[in-house]
C-alpha atoms as a PDB file:
ATOM      1  CA  MET A   1     -57.233  65.289  11.076  1.00  0.00           C
ATOM      2  CA  LEU A   2     -54.066  64.181  12.661  1.00  0.00           C
ATOM      3  CA  PRO A   3     -53.423  62.839  14.940  1.00  0.00           C
ATOM      4  CA  THR A   4     -55.607  60.046  13.813  1.00  0.00           C
ATOM      5  CA  LEU A   5     -55.021  60.453  10.222  1.00  0.00           C
ATOM      6  CA  ARG A   6     -52.081  61.314   8.006  1.00  0.00           C
ATOM      7  CA  ALA A   7     -51.430  62.296   4.589  1.00  0.00           C
ATOM      8  CA  GLY A   8     -51.358  59.270   2.449  1.00  0.00           C
ATOM      9  CA  ASP A   9     -54.122  56.974   4.570  1.00  0.00           C
ATOM     10  CA  LEU A  10     -56.846  55.129   2.555  1.00  0.00           C
ATOM     11  CA  LEU A  11     -60.242  55.167   3.914  1.00  0.00           C
ATOM     12  CA  LEU A  12     -62.375  52.398   3.678  1.00  0.00           C
ATOM     13  CA  ALA A  13     -66.120  53.650   4.081  1.00  0.00           C
ATOM     14  CA  ASP A  14     -69.684  52.528   4.449  1.00  0.00           C
ATOM     15  CA  ARG A  15     -72.710  54.851   2.792  1.00  0.00           C
ATOM     16  CA  ALA A  16     -75.310  52.263   4.175  1.00  0.00           C
ATOM     17  CA  ALA A  17     -73.620  52.389   8.019  1.00  0.00           C
ATOM     18  CA  PRO A  18     -75.520  54.518  10.666  1.00  0.00           C
ATOM     19  CA  PRO A  19     -73.899  57.369  12.118  1.00  0.00           C
ATOM     20  CA  ARG A  20     -73.187  57.213  15.629  1.00  0.00           C
ATOM     21  CA  PRO A  21     -71.355  59.401  17.536  1.00  0.00           C
ATOM     22  CA  GLY A  22     -67.771  59.508  17.990  1.00  0.00           C
ATOM     23  CA  ASP A  23     -67.601  58.048  14.425  1.00  0.00           C
ATOM     24  CA  LEU A  24     -65.217  59.314  11.800  1.00  0.00           C
ATOM     25  CA  VAL A  25     -67.284  60.262   8.394  1.00  0.00           C
ATOM     26  CA  LEU A  26     -67.060  61.546   4.844  1.00  0.00           C
ATOM     27  CA  ALA A  27     -69.106  64.592   4.632  1.00  0.00           C
ATOM     28  CA  ARG A  28     -70.080  67.501   2.028  1.00  0.00           C
ATOM     29  CA  TRP A  29     -68.851  70.953   3.330  1.00  0.00           C
ATOM     30  CA  SER A  30     -70.076  73.959   1.601  1.00  0.00           C
ATOM     31  CA  GLY A  31     -67.684  74.819  -1.118  1.00  0.00           C
ATOM     32  CA  SER A  32     -64.782  72.239  -0.413  1.00  0.00           C
ATOM     33  CA  PRO A  33     -64.629  68.332  -1.611  1.00  0.00           C
ATOM     34  CA  LEU A  34     -65.268  65.594   0.552  1.00  0.00           C
ATOM     35  CA  VAL A  35     -63.896  66.322   4.036  1.00  0.00           C
ATOM     36  CA  VAL A  36     -63.376  63.559   6.972  1.00  0.00           C
ATOM     37  CA  LYS A  37     -64.637  64.768  10.669  1.00  0.00           C
ATOM     38  CA  ARG A  38     -65.978  63.334  13.678  1.00  0.00           C
ATOM     39  CA  LEU A  39     -69.365  63.185  14.689  1.00  0.00           C
ATOM     40  CA  LEU A  40     -69.867  64.669  18.266  1.00  0.00           C
ATOM     41  CA  ARG A  41     -73.538  64.820  18.785  1.00  0.00           C
ATOM     42  CA  ARG A  42     -76.936  64.589  16.925  1.00  0.00           C
ATOM     43  CA  GLU A  43     -78.509  68.503  16.863  1.00  0.00           C
ATOM     44  CA  ALA A  44     -82.021  69.280  15.905  1.00  0.00           C
ATOM     45  CA  ASP A  45     -80.542  70.591  12.540  1.00  0.00           C
ATOM     46  CA  GLY A  46     -77.830  67.892  11.972  1.00  0.00           C
ATOM     47  CA  TRP A  47     -74.575  66.599  13.163  1.00  0.00           C
ATOM     48  CA  TRP A  48     -72.072  68.448  15.402  1.00  0.00           C
ATOM     49  CA  VAL A  49     -68.867  67.620  13.599  1.00  0.00           C
ATOM     50  CA  GLU A  50     -65.209  68.377  14.886  1.00  0.00           C
ATOM     51  CA  ARG A  51     -61.791  67.602  13.771  1.00  0.00           C
ATOM     52  CA  ASP A  52     -59.153  65.889  15.658  1.00  0.00           C
ATOM     53  CA  ASN A  53     -56.334  68.607  15.143  1.00  0.00           C
ATOM     54  CA  PRO A  54     -58.016  71.814  16.521  1.00  0.00           C
ATOM     55  CA  ALA A  55     -55.619  73.827  15.413  1.00  0.00           C
ATOM     56  CA  VAL A  56     -56.407  73.346  11.330  1.00  0.00           C
ATOM     57  CA  GLY A  57     -59.376  73.448   9.430  1.00  0.00           C
ATOM     58  CA  VAL A  58     -63.149  74.275  10.425  1.00  0.00           C
ATOM     59  CA  ASP A  59     -65.917  72.409  11.918  1.00  0.00           C
ATOM     60  CA  SER A  60     -69.470  72.887  13.284  1.00  0.00           C
ATOM     61  CA  TRP A  61     -67.508  75.765  15.802  1.00  0.00           C
ATOM     62  CA  SER A  62     -67.386  77.587  12.577  1.00  0.00           C
ATOM     63  CA  SER A  63     -70.198  76.747  10.191  1.00  0.00           C
ATOM     64  CA  GLY A  64     -72.842  74.945  12.383  1.00  0.00           C
ATOM     65  CA  ALA A  65     -73.946  71.307  12.099  1.00  0.00           C
ATOM     66  CA  VAL A  66     -73.844  69.384   9.155  1.00  0.00           C
ATOM     67  CA  ALA A  67     -77.135  68.025   7.558  1.00  0.00           C
ATOM     68  CA  PRO A  68     -78.163  64.668   7.655  1.00  0.00           C
ATOM     69  CA  ASP A  69     -77.980  64.645   3.797  1.00  0.00           C
ATOM     70  CA  ASP A  70     -74.369  66.008   3.785  1.00  0.00           C
ATOM     71  CA  LEU A  71     -73.267  63.099   5.572  1.00  0.00           C
ATOM     72  CA  VAL A  72     -72.080  60.274   2.618  1.00  0.00           C
ATOM     73  CA  ALA A  73     -70.433  57.818   4.654  1.00  0.00           C
ATOM     74  CA  VAL A  74     -69.062  56.286   7.809  1.00  0.00           C
ATOM     75  CA  VAL A  75     -65.327  55.679   7.645  1.00  0.00           C
ATOM     76  CA  ARG A  76     -64.601  51.787   8.865  1.00  0.00           C
ATOM     77  CA  VAL A  77     -61.182  51.367   8.519  1.00  0.00           C
ATOM     78  CA  ARG A  78     -58.152  53.248   7.887  1.00  0.00           C
ATOM     79  CA  LEU A  79     -55.039  51.622   5.507  1.00  0.00           C
ATOM     80  CA  TRP A  80     -51.518  52.633   5.044  1.00  0.00           C
ATOM     81  CA  PRO A  81     -50.019  52.566   2.090  1.00  0.00           C
ATOM     82  CA  ARG A  82     -47.501  49.910   1.524  1.00  0.00           C
ATOM     83  CA  PRO A  83     -43.737  51.547   0.516  1.00  0.00           C
ATOM     84  CA  GLY A  84     -43.656  52.114  -3.496  1.00  0.00           C
ATOM     85  CA  ARG A  85     -47.206  52.206  -3.939  1.00  0.00           C
ATOM     86  CA  PRO A  86     -48.839  55.212  -5.096  1.00  0.00           C
ATOM     87  CA  VAL A  87     -51.970  56.627  -2.700  1.00  0.00           C
ATOM     88  CA  GLY A  88     -55.505  56.111  -3.687  1.00  0.00           C
ATOM     89  CA  PRO A  89     -57.804  53.271  -5.052  1.00  0.00           C
ATOM     90  CA  SER A  90     -57.301  51.695  -8.398  1.00  0.00           C
ATOM     91  CA  ARG A  91     -59.536  53.541 -10.977  1.00  0.00           C
ATOM     92  CA  ALA A  92     -61.378  50.069 -11.115  1.00  0.00           C
ATOM     93  CA  ALA A  93     -61.775  49.985  -7.748  1.00  0.00           C
ATOM     94  CA  ARG A  94     -63.159  53.491  -7.652  1.00  0.00           C
ATOM     95  CA  SER A  95     -65.608  52.436 -10.156  1.00  0.00           C
ATOM     96  CA  ARG A  96     -67.028  49.263  -8.323  1.00  0.00           C
ATOM     97  CA  THR A  97     -67.475  50.984  -5.118  1.00  0.00           C
ATOM     98  CA  GLY A  98     -68.814  54.489  -6.824  1.00  0.00           C
ATOM     99  CA  VAL A  99     -66.481  56.697  -4.368  1.00  0.00           C
ATOM    100  CA  GLY A 100     -64.504  59.061  -5.954  1.00  0.00           C
ATOM    101  CA  PRO A 101     -60.765  59.679  -4.804  1.00  0.00           C
ATOM    102  CA  SER A 102     -61.546  62.525  -2.843  1.00  0.00           C
ATOM    103  CA  ALA A 103     -63.777  60.477  -0.263  1.00  0.00           C
ATOM    104  CA  THR A 104     -61.379  57.499  -0.298  1.00  0.00           C
ATOM    105  CA  ALA A 105     -57.830  59.032  -0.195  1.00  0.00           C
ATOM    106  CA  PRO A 106     -58.935  62.959   1.270  1.00  0.00           C
ATOM    107  CA  LYS A 107     -56.197  65.433   0.314  1.00  0.00           C
ATOM    108  CA  ASN A 108     -57.870  67.876   3.082  1.00  0.00           C
ATOM    109  CA  LEU A 109     -57.243  66.213   6.175  1.00  0.00           C
ATOM    110  CA  GLU A 110     -57.967  68.674   8.695  1.00  0.00           C
END
């Protein structure tokens, strides 16, 4: 998702937020862990998503629209890690939110 996101960025995401065009979302992608994509528009069979870096990764151009049930959360805030601190939320934070490490600190940022 360069230039929007960089490896090590932490994301705060809202599972209850309604998705809107232009939002960054966490989505289930077939054969992948959760991925971060940008919603472009609503289609009859789901949401058309694209990547911010067209040179890397996959999006709806290669795999079609994402089903509404495969949108997990809307990204609300990007946090930068402080120097010397491990990347990713603590285990306690993940258990409170119910969001796994791949959703809050994605490794696959295409």
